[in-house]
C-alpha atoms as a PDB file:
ATOM      1  CA  MET A   1       8.486  -9.151  -9.469  1.00  0.00           C
ATOM      2  CA  LYS A   2       8.291  -8.796  -5.719  1.00  0.00           C
ATOM      3  CA  ILE A   3       5.540  -6.718  -4.153  1.00  0.00           C
ATOM      4  CA  SER A   4       5.795  -5.755  -0.486  1.00  0.00           C
ATOM      5  CA  ILE A   5       2.888  -4.113   1.238  1.00  0.00           C
ATOM      6  CA  VAL A   6       3.929  -2.295   4.386  1.00  0.00           C
ATOM      7  CA  SER A   7       0.903  -1.492   6.486  1.00  0.00           C
ATOM      8  CA  VAL A   8       0.327  -0.014   9.914  1.00  0.00           C
ATOM      9  CA  GLY A   9      -1.685  -2.215  12.253  1.00  0.00           C
ATOM     10  CA  LYS A  10      -3.065  -5.718  12.261  1.00  0.00           C
ATOM     11  CA  ILE A  11      -6.205  -6.938  10.555  1.00  0.00           C
ATOM     12  CA  LYS A  12      -8.762  -7.974  13.171  1.00  0.00           C
ATOM     13  CA  GLU A  13     -11.917  -8.402  11.091  1.00  0.00           C
ATOM     14  CA  LYS A  14     -12.369 -11.963   9.844  1.00  0.00           C
ATOM     15  CA  TYR A  15     -14.151 -10.963   6.630  1.00  0.00           C
ATOM     16  CA  ILE A  16     -11.261  -8.662   5.664  1.00  0.00           C
ATOM     17  CA  LYS A  17      -8.702 -11.380   6.490  1.00  0.00           C
ATOM     18  CA  LEU A  18     -10.568 -13.810   4.232  1.00  0.00           C
ATOM     19  CA  GLY A  19     -10.504 -11.338   1.345  1.00  0.00           C
ATOM     20  CA  ILE A  20      -6.811 -10.591   1.875  1.00  0.00           C
ATOM     21  CA  ASP A  21      -6.022 -14.313   1.944  1.00  0.00           C
ATOM     22  CA  GLU A  22      -7.970 -14.870  -1.272  1.00  0.00           C
ATOM     23  CA  PHE A  23      -6.261 -12.106  -3.231  1.00  0.00           C
ATOM     24  CA  SER A  24      -2.851 -13.006  -1.788  1.00  0.00           C
ATOM     25  CA  LYS A  25      -3.366 -16.532  -3.115  1.00  0.00           C
ATOM     26  CA  ARG A  26      -4.454 -15.234  -6.520  1.00  0.00           C
ATOM     27  CA  LEU A  27      -1.479 -12.865  -6.721  1.00  0.00           C
ATOM     28  CA  SER A  28       0.962 -15.712  -6.071  1.00  0.00           C
ATOM     29  CA  ASN A  29       0.587 -16.647  -9.759  1.00  0.00           C
ATOM     30  CA  TYR A  30       1.956 -13.253 -10.816  1.00  0.00           C
ATOM     31  CA  CYS A  31       4.392 -12.004  -8.196  1.00  0.00           C
ATOM     32  CA  LYS A  32       6.097 -12.761  -4.932  1.00  0.00           C
ATOM     33  CA  LEU A  33       3.916 -11.032  -2.347  1.00  0.00           C
ATOM     34  CA  GLU A  34       5.017 -10.012   1.118  1.00  0.00           C
ATOM     35  CA  ILE A  35       2.795  -8.301   3.672  1.00  0.00           C
ATOM     36  CA  ILE A  36       4.657  -6.481   6.424  1.00  0.00           C
ATOM     37  CA  GLU A  37       2.725  -5.169   9.403  1.00  0.00           C
ATOM     38  CA  VAL A  38       4.165  -2.527  11.677  1.00  0.00           C
ATOM     39  CA  SER A  39       2.625  -1.663  15.019  1.00  0.00           C
ATOM     40  CA  ASP A  40       0.185   1.173  15.234  1.00  0.00           C
ATOM     41  CA  GLU A  41       0.837   3.685  17.956  1.00  0.00           C
ATOM     42  CA  LYS A  42      -1.872   4.141  20.532  1.00  0.00           C
ATOM     43  CA  ALA A  43      -3.476   7.525  20.069  1.00  0.00           C
ATOM     44  CA  PRO A  44      -6.444   8.981  21.934  1.00  0.00           C
ATOM     45  CA  GLU A  45      -9.171  10.746  19.954  1.00  0.00           C
ATOM     46  CA  ASN A  46      -8.292  14.337  20.829  1.00  0.00           C
ATOM     47  CA  LEU A  47      -4.640  14.736  19.877  1.00  0.00           C
ATOM     48  CA  SER A  48      -2.996  18.076  19.298  1.00  0.00           C
ATOM     49  CA  ASP A  49      -1.313  18.630  15.936  1.00  0.00           C
ATOM     50  CA  LYS A  50       2.072  18.132  17.597  1.00  0.00           C
ATOM     51  CA  GLU A  51       0.953  14.828  19.159  1.00  0.00           C
ATOM     52  CA  MET A  52      -0.463  13.646  15.818  1.00  0.00           C
ATOM     53  CA  THR A  53       2.849  14.399  14.136  1.00  0.00           C
ATOM     54  CA  MET A  54       4.712  12.500  16.856  1.00  0.00           C
ATOM     55  CA  VAL A  55       2.485   9.424  16.431  1.00  0.00           C
ATOM     56  CA  LYS A  56       2.801   9.505  12.630  1.00  0.00           C
ATOM     57  CA  ASN A  57       6.575   9.929  12.875  1.00  0.00           C
ATOM     58  CA  LYS A  58       6.916   6.910  15.175  1.00  0.00           C
ATOM     59  CA  GLU A  59       4.874   4.821  12.742  1.00  0.00           C
ATOM     60  CA  GLY A  60       6.818   6.341   9.854  1.00  0.00           C
ATOM     61  CA  LEU A  61      10.170   5.303  11.286  1.00  0.00           C
ATOM     62  CA  SER A  62       8.841   1.761  11.699  1.00  0.00           C
ATOM     63  CA  ILE A  63       7.672   1.774   8.077  1.00  0.00           C
ATOM     64  CA  LEU A  64      10.965   3.102   6.751  1.00  0.00           C
ATOM     65  CA  SER A  65      12.914   0.473   8.694  1.00  0.00           C
ATOM     66  CA  LYS A  66      11.181  -2.197   6.565  1.00  0.00           C
ATOM     67  CA  ILE A  67      12.013  -0.625   3.188  1.00  0.00           C
ATOM     68  CA  LYS A  68      15.271  -1.560   1.487  1.00  0.00           C
ATOM     69  CA  ASP A  69      17.529   1.181   0.152  1.00  0.00           C
ATOM     70  CA  GLY A  70      17.003   1.899  -3.515  1.00  0.00           C
ATOM     71  CA  ALA A  71      13.593   0.208  -3.645  1.00  0.00           C
ATOM     72  CA  TYR A  72      10.686   1.757  -5.521  1.00  0.00           C
ATOM     73  CA  VAL A  73       8.097   3.034  -3.035  1.00  0.00           C
ATOM     74  CA  ILE A  74       4.453   3.901  -3.667  1.00  0.00           C
ATOM     75  CA  ALA A  75       2.741   5.602  -0.736  1.00  0.00           C
ATOM     76  CA  LEU A  76      -1.037   5.510  -0.578  1.00  0.00           C
ATOM     77  CA  ALA A  77      -2.067   9.080   0.131  1.00  0.00           C
ATOM     78  CA  ILE A  78      -5.338  10.920  -0.293  1.00  0.00           C
ATOM     79  CA  ASP A  79      -3.547  13.757  -2.129  1.00  0.00           C
ATOM     80  CA  GLY A  80      -1.622  11.397  -4.408  1.00  0.00           C
ATOM     81  CA  LYS A  81      -2.082  10.738  -8.103  1.00  0.00           C
ATOM     82  CA  SER A  82      -5.416   9.260  -9.058  1.00  0.00           C
ATOM     83  CA  MET A  83      -5.262   6.410 -11.585  1.00  0.00           C
ATOM     84  CA  SER A  84      -7.601   4.034 -13.332  1.00  0.00           C
ATOM     85  CA  SER A  85      -7.015   0.293 -12.981  1.00  0.00           C
ATOM     86  CA  GLU A  86      -5.554   0.302 -16.493  1.00  0.00           C
ATOM     87  CA  ASP A  87      -3.212   3.182 -15.583  1.00  0.00           C
ATOM     88  CA  LEU A  88      -1.976   1.292 -12.525  1.00  0.00           C
ATOM     89  CA  ALA A  89      -1.411  -1.818 -14.642  1.00  0.00           C
ATOM     90  CA  ASP A  90       0.538   0.247 -17.162  1.00  0.00           C
ATOM     91  CA  HIS A  91       2.632   1.852 -14.406  1.00  0.00           C
ATOM     92  CA  ILE A  92       3.557  -1.547 -12.958  1.00  0.00           C
ATOM     93  CA  SER A  93       4.389  -2.807 -16.453  1.00  0.00           C
ATOM     94  CA  ARG A  94       6.636   0.196 -17.154  1.00  0.00           C
ATOM     95  CA  LEU A  95       8.424  -0.272 -13.836  1.00  0.00           C
ATOM     96  CA  SER A  96       9.102  -3.867 -14.764  1.00  0.00           C
ATOM     97  CA  LEU A  97      10.439  -2.834 -18.180  1.00  0.00           C
ATOM     98  CA  VAL A  98      12.990  -0.467 -16.637  1.00  0.00           C
ATOM     99  CA  GLY A  99      14.251  -3.200 -14.333  1.00  0.00           C
ATOM    100  CA  THR A 100      12.347  -2.509 -11.135  1.00  0.00           C
ATOM    101  CA  SER A 101      12.089  -5.878  -9.473  1.00  0.00           C
ATOM    102  CA  HIS A 102      10.734  -4.856  -6.061  1.00  0.00           C
ATOM    103  CA  ILE A 103       7.902  -2.435  -5.326  1.00  0.00           C
ATOM    104  CA  TYR A 104       6.862  -1.388  -1.835  1.00  0.00           C
ATOM    105  CA  LEU A 105       3.331  -0.095  -1.344  1.00  0.00           C
ATOM    106  CA  VAL A 106       2.768   1.705   1.944  1.00  0.00           C
ATOM    107  CA  ILE A 107      -0.512   2.076   3.824  1.00  0.00           C
ATOM    108  CA  GLY A 108      -0.520   4.394   6.811  1.00  0.00           C
ATOM    109  CA  GLY A 109      -2.420   4.121  10.042  1.00  0.00           C
ATOM    110  CA  SER A 110      -5.581   5.894  11.122  1.00  0.00           C
ATOM    111  CA  LEU A 111      -3.788   9.270  11.155  1.00  0.00           C
ATOM    112  CA  GLY A 112      -2.212   8.820   7.735  1.00  0.00           C
ATOM    113  CA  LEU A 113       1.441   8.746   6.728  1.00  0.00           C
ATOM    114  CA  ALA A 114       4.265  10.793   8.172  1.00  0.00           C
ATOM    115  CA  ASP A 115       5.996  13.325   5.944  1.00  0.00           C
ATOM    116  CA  ILE A 116       9.211  11.298   6.240  1.00  0.00           C
ATOM    117  CA  VAL A 117       7.449   8.406   4.471  1.00  0.00           C
ATOM    118  CA  LEU A 118       5.786  10.617   1.860  1.00  0.00           C
ATOM    119  CA  ASP A 119       9.162  12.243   1.141  1.00  0.00           C
ATOM    120  CA  ARG A 120      10.757   8.817   0.670  1.00  0.00           C
ATOM    121  CA  ALA A 121       8.066   7.676  -1.766  1.00  0.00           C
ATOM    122  CA  ASP A 122       8.793   7.630  -5.473  1.00  0.00           C
ATOM    123  CA  MET A 123       5.086   8.026  -6.108  1.00  0.00           C
ATOM    124  CA  LYS A 124       2.000   8.946  -4.112  1.00  0.00           C
ATOM    125  CA  LEU A 125      -1.122   7.073  -5.179  1.00  0.00           C
ATOM    126  CA  SER A 126      -4.680   8.021  -4.281  1.00  0.00           C
ATOM    127  CA  PHE A 127      -7.545   5.585  -4.539  1.00  0.00           C
ATOM    128  CA  SER A 128     -10.098   8.298  -3.831  1.00  0.00           C
ATOM    129  CA  LYS A 129     -10.602  11.599  -2.094  1.00  0.00           C
ATOM    130  CA  MET A 130     -12.629   9.579   0.406  1.00  0.00           C
ATOM    131  CA  THR A 131     -11.077   8.203   3.563  1.00  0.00           C
ATOM    132  CA  PHE A 132     -11.001   4.412   3.922  1.00  0.00           C
ATOM    133  CA  PRO A 133     -10.157   2.359   7.006  1.00  0.00           C
ATOM    134  CA  HIS A 134      -6.532   1.260   6.626  1.00  0.00           C
ATOM    135  CA  GLN A 135      -7.528  -2.392   7.192  1.00  0.00           C
ATOM    136  CA  LEU A 136      -9.998  -2.277   4.301  1.00  0.00           C
ATOM    137  CA  MET A 137      -7.479  -0.390   2.160  1.00  0.00           C
ATOM    138  CA  ARG A 138      -5.154  -3.391   2.271  1.00  0.00           C
ATOM    139  CA  LEU A 139      -7.874  -5.575   0.734  1.00  0.00           C
ATOM    140  CA  ILE A 140      -8.729  -2.964  -1.906  1.00  0.00           C
ATOM    141  CA  LEU A 141      -5.044  -2.585  -2.792  1.00  0.00           C
ATOM    142  CA  LEU A 142      -4.561  -6.343  -3.190  1.00  0.00           C
ATOM    143  CA  GLU A 143      -7.615  -6.562  -5.433  1.00  0.00           C
ATOM    144  CA  GLN A 144      -6.309  -3.737  -7.625  1.00  0.00           C
ATOM    145  CA  LEU A 145      -2.861  -5.335  -7.849  1.00  0.00           C
ATOM    146  CA  TYR A 146      -4.482  -8.598  -8.919  1.00  0.00           C
ATOM    147  CA  ARG A 147      -6.545  -6.699 -11.481  1.00  0.00           C
ATOM    148  CA  ALA A 148      -3.387  -4.955 -12.770  1.00  0.00           C
ATOM    149  CA  PHE A 149      -1.518  -8.228 -13.246  1.00  0.00           C
ATOM    150  CA  ARG A 150      -4.533  -9.742 -15.025  1.00  0.00           C
ATOM    151  CA  ILE A 151      -4.727  -6.725 -17.330  1.00  0.00           C
ATOM    152  CA  ASN A 152      -0.986  -6.900 -18.053  1.00  0.00           C
ATOM    153  CA  SER A 153      -1.165 -10.599 -18.874  1.00  0.00           C
ATOM    154  CA  GLY A 154      -4.133 -10.109 -21.207  1.00  0.00           C
ATOM    155  CA  GLN A 155      -6.431 -12.199 -19.052  1.00  0.00           C
ATOM    156  CA  PRO A 156     -10.078 -11.302 -18.507  1.00  0.00           C
ATOM    157  CA  TYR A 157     -11.093  -9.820 -15.172  1.00  0.00           C
ATOM    158  CA  HIS A 158     -10.955  -6.092 -15.436  1.00  0.00           C
ATOM    159  CA  LYS A 159     -14.394  -5.473 -16.927  1.00  0.00           C
END
């Protein structure tokens, strides 16, 4: 299976990069992993709603340009479906069983995801009602994917 993570912005913090590198290496035993970064749009603190929508739409178009037609897309969204690690593992397993060979997981920028991306998603996934920095979310997502593959292969890790 191929997993592509499409994320807005670059990772600047060394400690997060180290964690991402570690889980990327671990995941290489289970899937072909691709991390795609799209540029974040510069946005001052006090944007109007219209300006926020414009920024998110620009980022959204960049995200969508990286996603292949017909691919299965999971958008990380605060109002998405909440799942346990076991539920996520089961979902990935079921996708594999029905012939899904490529999953895109999308992480938005600091303003979130544009509606055009959320509308394209086959599933919206929430990790929490809390807000996480998008850089840290990439690390958390990779860890949960690794956990899911370990669960699905019957290997210890998930306790």
